[in-house]
PDB file of all heavy atoms in Angstrom:
ATOM      1  N   LEU A   1     149.379 206.137 345.570  1.00  0.00           N
ATOM      2  CA  LEU A   1     148.866 206.758 344.348  1.00  0.00           C
ATOM      3  C   LEU A   1     149.963 206.665 343.297  1.00  0.00           C
ATOM      4  O   LEU A   1     151.076 207.141 343.505  1.00  0.00           O
ATOM      5  CB  LEU A   1     148.505 208.217 344.601  1.00  0.00           C
ATOM      6  CG  LEU A   1     148.021 208.998 343.381  1.00  0.00           C
ATOM      7  CD1 LEU A   1     146.622 208.554 342.983  1.00  0.00           C
ATOM      8  CD2 LEU A   1     148.040 210.495 343.659  1.00  0.00           C
ATOM      9  N   ALA A   2     149.647 206.035 342.174  1.00  0.00           N
ATOM     10  CA  ALA A   2     150.651 205.842 341.125  1.00  0.00           C
ATOM     11  C   ALA A   2     150.329 206.777 339.958  1.00  0.00           C
ATOM     12  O   ALA A   2     149.282 206.634 339.356  1.00  0.00           O
ATOM     13  CB  ALA A   2     150.649 204.392 340.651  1.00  0.00           C
ATOM     14  N   GLN A   3     151.274 207.718 339.689  1.00  0.00           N
ATOM     15  CA  GLN A   3     152.509 207.956 340.396  1.00  0.00           C
ATOM     16  C   GLN A   3     152.532 209.377 340.947  1.00  0.00           C
ATOM     17  O   GLN A   3     151.481 209.995 341.016  1.00  0.00           O
ATOM     18  CB  GLN A   3     153.692 207.676 339.484  1.00  0.00           C
ATOM     19  CG  GLN A   3     153.764 206.198 339.056  1.00  0.00           C
ATOM     20  CD  GLN A   3     155.022 205.852 338.274  1.00  0.00           C
ATOM     21  OE1 GLN A   3     156.024 206.553 338.253  1.00  0.00           O
ATOM     22  NE2 GLN A   3     154.955 204.735 337.572  1.00  0.00           N
ATOM     23  N   LEU A   4     153.710 209.918 341.241  1.00  0.00           N
ATOM     24  CA  LEU A   4     153.803 211.191 341.951  1.00  0.00           C
ATOM     25  C   LEU A   4     154.013 212.395 341.038  1.00  0.00           C
ATOM     26  O   LEU A   4     153.400 213.441 341.231  1.00  0.00           O
ATOM     27  CB  LEU A   4     154.941 211.121 342.979  1.00  0.00           C
ATOM     28  CG  LEU A   4     155.119 212.294 343.940  1.00  0.00           C
ATOM     29  CD1 LEU A   4     153.842 212.555 344.737  1.00  0.00           C
ATOM     30  CD2 LEU A   4     156.288 212.039 344.883  1.00  0.00           C
ATOM     31  N   VAL A   5     154.895 212.253 340.038  1.00  0.00           N
ATOM     32  CA  VAL A   5     155.239 213.385 339.166  1.00  0.00           C
ATOM     33  C   VAL A   5     155.218 212.947 337.702  1.00  0.00           C
ATOM     34  O   VAL A   5     155.838 211.937 337.347  1.00  0.00           O
ATOM     35  CB  VAL A   5     156.639 213.953 339.501  1.00  0.00           C
ATOM     36  CG1 VAL A   5     156.931 215.198 338.672  1.00  0.00           C
ATOM     37  CG2 VAL A   5     156.769 214.271 340.981  1.00  0.00           C
ATOM     38  N   ASN A   6     154.485 213.683 336.881  1.00  0.00           N
ATOM     39  CA  ASN A   6     154.448 213.562 335.413  1.00  0.00           C
ATOM     40  C   ASN A   6     153.800 212.290 334.897  1.00  0.00           C
ATOM     41  O   ASN A   6     152.967 212.333 333.977  1.00  0.00           O
ATOM     42  CB  ASN A   6     155.856 213.700 334.809  1.00  0.00           C
ATOM     43  CG  ASN A   6     156.411 215.106 334.944  1.00  0.00           C
ATOM     44  OD1 ASN A   6     155.655 216.075 334.988  1.00  0.00           O
ATOM     45  ND2 ASN A   6     157.720 215.226 335.036  1.00  0.00           N
ATOM     46  N   VAL A   7     154.170 211.134 335.400  1.00  0.00           N
ATOM     47  CA  VAL A   7     153.617 209.859 334.931  1.00  0.00           C
ATOM     48  C   VAL A   7     152.346 209.567 335.715  1.00  0.00           C
ATOM     49  O   VAL A   7     152.396 209.285 336.910  1.00  0.00           O
ATOM     50  CB  VAL A   7     154.648 208.727 335.113  1.00  0.00           C
ATOM     51  CG1 VAL A   7     154.050 207.382 334.702  1.00  0.00           C
ATOM     52  CG2 VAL A   7     155.911 209.015 334.315  1.00  0.00           C
ATOM     53  N   ILE A   8     151.183 209.669 335.035  1.00  0.00           N
ATOM     54  CA  ILE A   8     149.870 209.521 335.678  1.00  0.00           C
ATOM     55  C   ILE A   8     149.911 210.074 337.107  1.00  0.00           C
ATOM     56  O   ILE A   8     149.740 209.338 338.081  1.00  0.00           O
ATOM     57  CB  ILE A   8     149.366 208.062 335.620  1.00  0.00           C
ATOM     58  CG1 ILE A   8     150.397 207.050 336.113  1.00  0.00           C
ATOM     59  CG2 ILE A   8     148.924 207.707 334.230  1.00  0.00           C
ATOM     60  CD1 ILE A   8     149.847 205.619 336.234  1.00  0.00           C
ATOM     61  N   ALA A   9     150.082 211.380 337.230  1.00  0.00           N
ATOM     62  CA  ALA A   9     150.490 211.967 338.503  1.00  0.00           C
ATOM     63  C   ALA A   9     149.735 213.249 338.834  1.00  0.00           C
ATOM     64  O   ALA A   9     149.253 213.947 337.942  1.00  0.00           O
ATOM     65  CB  ALA A   9     151.989 212.268 338.461  1.00  0.00           C
ATOM     66  N   PRO A  10     149.659 213.589 340.131  1.00  0.00           N
ATOM     67  CA  PRO A  10     149.011 214.845 340.544  1.00  0.00           C
ATOM     68  C   PRO A  10     149.861 216.084 340.284  1.00  0.00           C
ATOM     69  O   PRO A  10     149.338 217.194 340.288  1.00  0.00           O
ATOM     70  CB  PRO A  10     148.793 214.646 342.045  1.00  0.00           C
ATOM     71  CG  PRO A  10     149.863 213.688 342.462  1.00  0.00           C
ATOM     72  CD  PRO A  10     150.052 212.763 341.290  1.00  0.00           C
ATOM     73  N   ILE A  11     151.175 215.905 340.110  1.00  0.00           N
ATOM     74  CA  ILE A  11     152.096 217.020 339.868  1.00  0.00           C
ATOM     75  C   ILE A  11     152.639 216.883 338.455  1.00  0.00           C
ATOM     76  O   ILE A  11     153.091 215.806 338.056  1.00  0.00           O
ATOM     77  CB  ILE A  11     153.255 217.012 340.884  1.00  0.00           C
ATOM     78  CG1 ILE A  11     152.717 217.153 342.308  1.00  0.00           C
ATOM     79  CG2 ILE A  11     154.259 218.112 340.583  1.00  0.00           C
ATOM     80  CD1 ILE A  11     153.768 216.923 343.394  1.00  0.00           C
ATOM     81  N   PHE A  12     152.619 217.977 337.699  1.00  0.00           N
ATOM     82  CA  PHE A  12     153.068 217.935 336.310  1.00  0.00           C
ATOM     83  C   PHE A  12     154.058 219.067 336.062  1.00  0.00           C
ATOM     84  O   PHE A  12     153.814 220.212 336.414  1.00  0.00           O
ATOM     85  CB  PHE A  12     151.882 218.076 335.360  1.00  0.00           C
ATOM     86  CG  PHE A  12     152.155 217.570 333.976  1.00  0.00           C
ATOM     87  CD1 PHE A  12     151.961 216.232 333.651  1.00  0.00           C
ATOM     88  CD2 PHE A  12     152.623 218.424 332.982  1.00  0.00           C
ATOM     89  CE1 PHE A  12     152.222 215.763 332.366  1.00  0.00           C
ATOM     90  CE2 PHE A  12     152.890 217.964 331.710  1.00  0.00           C
ATOM     91  CZ  PHE A  12     152.691 216.623 331.400  1.00  0.00           C
ATOM     92  N   THR A  13     155.200 218.696 335.461  1.00  0.00           N
ATOM     93  CA  THR A  13     156.245 219.680 335.219  1.00  0.00           C
ATOM     94  C   THR A  13     156.562 219.789 333.732  1.00  0.00           C
ATOM     95  O   THR A  13     156.277 218.886 332.941  1.00  0.00           O
ATOM     96  CB  THR A  13     157.556 219.304 335.935  1.00  0.00           C
ATOM     97  OG1 THR A  13     158.164 218.189 335.265  1.00  0.00           O
ATOM     98  CG2 THR A  13     157.326 218.955 337.389  1.00  0.00           C
ATOM     99  N   GLN A  14     157.178 220.901 333.407  1.00  0.00           N
ATOM    100  CA  GLN A  14     157.753 221.093 332.076  1.00  0.00           C
ATOM    101  C   GLN A  14     159.262 221.007 332.226  1.00  0.00           C
ATOM    102  O   GLN A  14     159.842 221.685 333.090  1.00  0.00           O
ATOM    103  CB  GLN A  14     157.348 222.457 331.515  1.00  0.00           C
ATOM    104  CG  GLN A  14     157.825 222.725 330.103  1.00  0.00           C
ATOM    105  CD  GLN A  14     157.335 224.078 329.618  1.00  0.00           C
ATOM    106  OE1 GLN A  14     157.508 225.084 330.300  1.00  0.00           O
ATOM    107  NE2 GLN A  14     156.711 224.101 328.446  1.00  0.00           N
ATOM    108  N   THR A  15     159.913 220.162 331.447  1.00  0.00           N
ATOM    109  CA  THR A  15     161.359 220.043 331.539  1.00  0.00           C
ATOM    110  C   THR A  15     161.997 221.402 331.233  1.00  0.00           C
ATOM    111  O   THR A  15     161.770 221.978 330.178  1.00  0.00           O
ATOM    112  CB  THR A  15     161.880 218.976 330.562  1.00  0.00           C
ATOM    113  OG1 THR A  15     161.274 217.721 330.881  1.00  0.00           O
ATOM    114  CG2 THR A  15     163.388 218.842 330.658  1.00  0.00           C
ATOM    115  N   GLY A  16     162.742 221.904 332.208  1.00  0.00           N
ATOM    116  CA  GLY A  16     163.347 223.215 332.071  1.00  0.00           C
ATOM    117  C   GLY A  16     162.404 224.365 332.355  1.00  0.00           C
ATOM    118  O   GLY A  16     162.798 225.534 332.315  1.00  0.00           O
ATOM    119  N   GLY A  17     161.133 224.050 332.668  1.00  0.00           N
ATOM    120  CA  GLY A  17     160.135 225.104 332.816  1.00  0.00           C
ATOM    121  C   GLY A  17     159.290 225.006 334.063  1.00  0.00           C
ATOM    122  O   GLY A  17     159.787 224.716 335.151  1.00  0.00           O
ATOM    123  N   GLY A  18     157.983 225.218 333.878  1.00  0.00           N
ATOM    124  CA  GLY A  18     157.073 225.409 335.000  1.00  0.00           C
ATOM    125  C   GLY A  18     156.497 224.130 335.569  1.00  0.00           C
ATOM    126  O   GLY A  18     156.943 223.013 335.285  1.00  0.00           O
ATOM    127  N   ILE A  19     155.466 224.325 336.376  1.00  0.00           N
ATOM    128  CA  ILE A  19     154.851 223.229 337.117  1.00  0.00           C
ATOM    129  C   ILE A  19     153.396 223.603 337.383  1.00  0.00           C
ATOM    130  O   ILE A  19     153.056 224.786 337.478  1.00  0.00           O
ATOM    131  CB  ILE A  19     155.609 223.006 338.451  1.00  0.00           C
ATOM    132  CG1 ILE A  19     155.157 221.733 339.160  1.00  0.00           C
ATOM    133  CG2 ILE A  19     155.472 224.204 339.368  1.00  0.00           C
ATOM    134  CD1 ILE A  19     156.044 221.349 340.339  1.00  0.00           C
ATOM    135  N   PHE A  20     152.522 222.598 337.460  1.00  0.00           N
ATOM    136  CA  PHE A  20     151.142 222.896 337.876  1.00  0.00           C
ATOM    137  C   PHE A  20     150.552 221.703 338.616  1.00  0.00           C
ATOM    138  O   PHE A  20     151.048 220.575 338.519  1.00  0.00           O
ATOM    139  CB  PHE A  20     150.258 223.319 336.698  1.00  0.00           C
ATOM    140  CG  PHE A  20     149.890 222.218 335.734  1.00  0.00           C
ATOM    141  CD1 PHE A  20     148.759 221.420 335.932  1.00  0.00           C
ATOM    142  CD2 PHE A  20     150.662 221.985 334.595  1.00  0.00           C
ATOM    143  CE1 PHE A  20     148.414 220.427 335.037  1.00  0.00           C
ATOM    144  CE2 PHE A  20     150.319 220.991 333.693  1.00  0.00           C
ATOM    145  CZ  PHE A  20     149.189 220.213 333.912  1.00  0.00           C
ATOM    146  N   LYS A  21     149.488 221.987 339.364  1.00  0.00           N
ATOM    147  CA  LYS A  21     148.765 220.970 340.117  1.00  0.00           C
ATOM    148  C   LYS A  21     147.621 220.442 339.258  1.00  0.00           C
ATOM    149  O   LYS A  21     146.769 221.207 338.807  1.00  0.00           O
ATOM    150  CB  LYS A  21     148.211 221.551 341.421  1.00  0.00           C
ATOM    151  CG  LYS A  21     149.272 222.061 342.373  1.00  0.00           C
ATOM    152  CD  LYS A  21     148.648 222.764 343.579  1.00  0.00           C
ATOM    153  CE  LYS A  21     149.722 223.291 344.518  1.00  0.00           C
ATOM    154  NZ  LYS A  21     149.133 224.024 345.675  1.00  0.00           N
ATOM    155  N   GLN A  22     147.615 219.137 339.038  1.00  0.00           N
ATOM    156  CA  GLN A  22     146.520 218.523 338.300  1.00  0.00           C
ATOM    157  C   GLN A  22     145.255 218.516 339.162  1.00  0.00           C
ATOM    158  O   GLN A  22     145.294 218.717 340.377  1.00  0.00           O
ATOM    159  CB  GLN A  22     146.912 217.098 337.921  1.00  0.00           C
ATOM    160  CG  GLN A  22     148.085 217.028 336.951  1.00  0.00           C
ATOM    161  CD  GLN A  22     147.709 216.329 335.664  1.00  0.00           C
ATOM    162  OE1 GLN A  22     146.676 216.634 335.048  1.00  0.00           O
ATOM    163  NE2 GLN A  22     148.536 215.398 335.250  1.00  0.00           N
ATOM    164  N   THR A  23     144.131 218.239 338.526  1.00  0.00           N
ATOM    165  CA  THR A  23     142.856 218.249 339.254  1.00  0.00           C
ATOM    166  C   THR A  23     142.856 217.245 340.405  1.00  0.00           C
ATOM    167  O   THR A  23     142.262 217.495 341.457  1.00  0.00           O
ATOM    168  CB  THR A  23     141.688 217.920 338.313  1.00  0.00           C
ATOM    169  OG1 THR A  23     141.877 216.600 337.759  1.00  0.00           O
ATOM    170  CG2 THR A  23     141.606 218.916 337.167  1.00  0.00           C
ATOM    171  N   ILE A  24     143.532 216.100 340.215  1.00  0.00           N
ATOM    172  CA  ILE A  24     143.514 215.060 341.246  1.00  0.00           C
ATOM    173  C   ILE A  24     144.388 215.422 342.448  1.00  0.00           C
ATOM    174  O   ILE A  24     144.332 214.736 343.473  1.00  0.00           O
ATOM    175  CB  ILE A  24     143.945 213.689 340.681  1.00  0.00           C
ATOM    176  CG1 ILE A  24     145.422 213.709 340.252  1.00  0.00           C
ATOM    177  CG2 ILE A  24     143.047 213.267 339.532  1.00  0.00           C
ATOM    178  CD1 ILE A  24     145.979 212.340 339.899  1.00  0.00           C
ATOM    179  N   PHE A  25     145.198 216.463 342.320  1.00  0.00           N
ATOM    180  CA  PHE A  25     146.063 216.895 343.419  1.00  0.00           C
ATOM    181  C   PHE A  25     145.235 217.201 344.668  1.00  0.00           C
ATOM    182  O   PHE A  25     145.622 216.832 345.790  1.00  0.00           O
ATOM    183  CB  PHE A  25     146.836 218.141 342.987  1.00  0.00           C
ATOM    184  CG  PHE A  25     147.825 218.666 343.998  1.00  0.00           C
ATOM    185  CD1 PHE A  25     149.186 218.359 343.898  1.00  0.00           C
ATOM    186  CD2 PHE A  25     147.423 219.505 345.035  1.00  0.00           C
ATOM    187  CE1 PHE A  25     150.104 218.845 344.812  1.00  0.00           C
ATOM    188  CE2 PHE A  25     148.334 220.001 345.958  1.00  0.00           C
ATOM    189  CZ  PHE A  25     149.685 219.667 345.843  1.00  0.00           C
ATOM    190  N   TYR A  26     144.100 217.863 344.469  1.00  0.00           N
ATOM    191  CA  TYR A  26     143.400 218.458 345.609  1.00  0.00           C
ATOM    192  C   TYR A  26     142.680 217.452 346.511  1.00  0.00           C
ATOM    193  O   TYR A  26     142.805 217.547 347.746  1.00  0.00           O
ATOM    194  CB  TYR A  26     142.448 219.542 345.108  1.00  0.00           C
ATOM    195  CG  TYR A  26     143.198 220.657 344.416  1.00  0.00           C
ATOM    196  CD1 TYR A  26     143.186 220.773 343.026  1.00  0.00           C
ATOM    197  CD2 TYR A  26     143.942 221.579 345.146  1.00  0.00           C
ATOM    198  CE1 TYR A  26     143.894 221.789 342.390  1.00  0.00           C
ATOM    199  CE2 TYR A  26     144.656 222.595 344.515  1.00  0.00           C
ATOM    200  CZ  TYR A  26     144.621 222.691 343.130  1.00  0.00           C
ATOM    201  OH  TYR A  26     145.334 223.692 342.501  1.00  0.00           O
ATOM    202  N   PRO A  27     141.921 216.478 345.975  1.00  0.00           N
ATOM    203  CA  PRO A  27     141.344 215.490 346.901  1.00  0.00           C
ATOM    204  C   PRO A  27     142.411 214.742 347.693  1.00  0.00           C
ATOM    205  O   PRO A  27     142.241 214.489 348.893  1.00  0.00           O
ATOM    206  CB  PRO A  27     140.565 214.548 345.975  1.00  0.00           C
ATOM    207  CG  PRO A  27     140.294 215.349 344.747  1.00  0.00           C
ATOM    208  CD  PRO A  27     141.462 216.261 344.590  1.00  0.00           C
TER     209      PRO A  27
END
């Protein structure tokens, strides 16, 4: 799955901050 974090990814972070699971994370 391309890719893993932030760049077209299921995991999304804020630099210096939080994190959340994108919708595609769950399947």
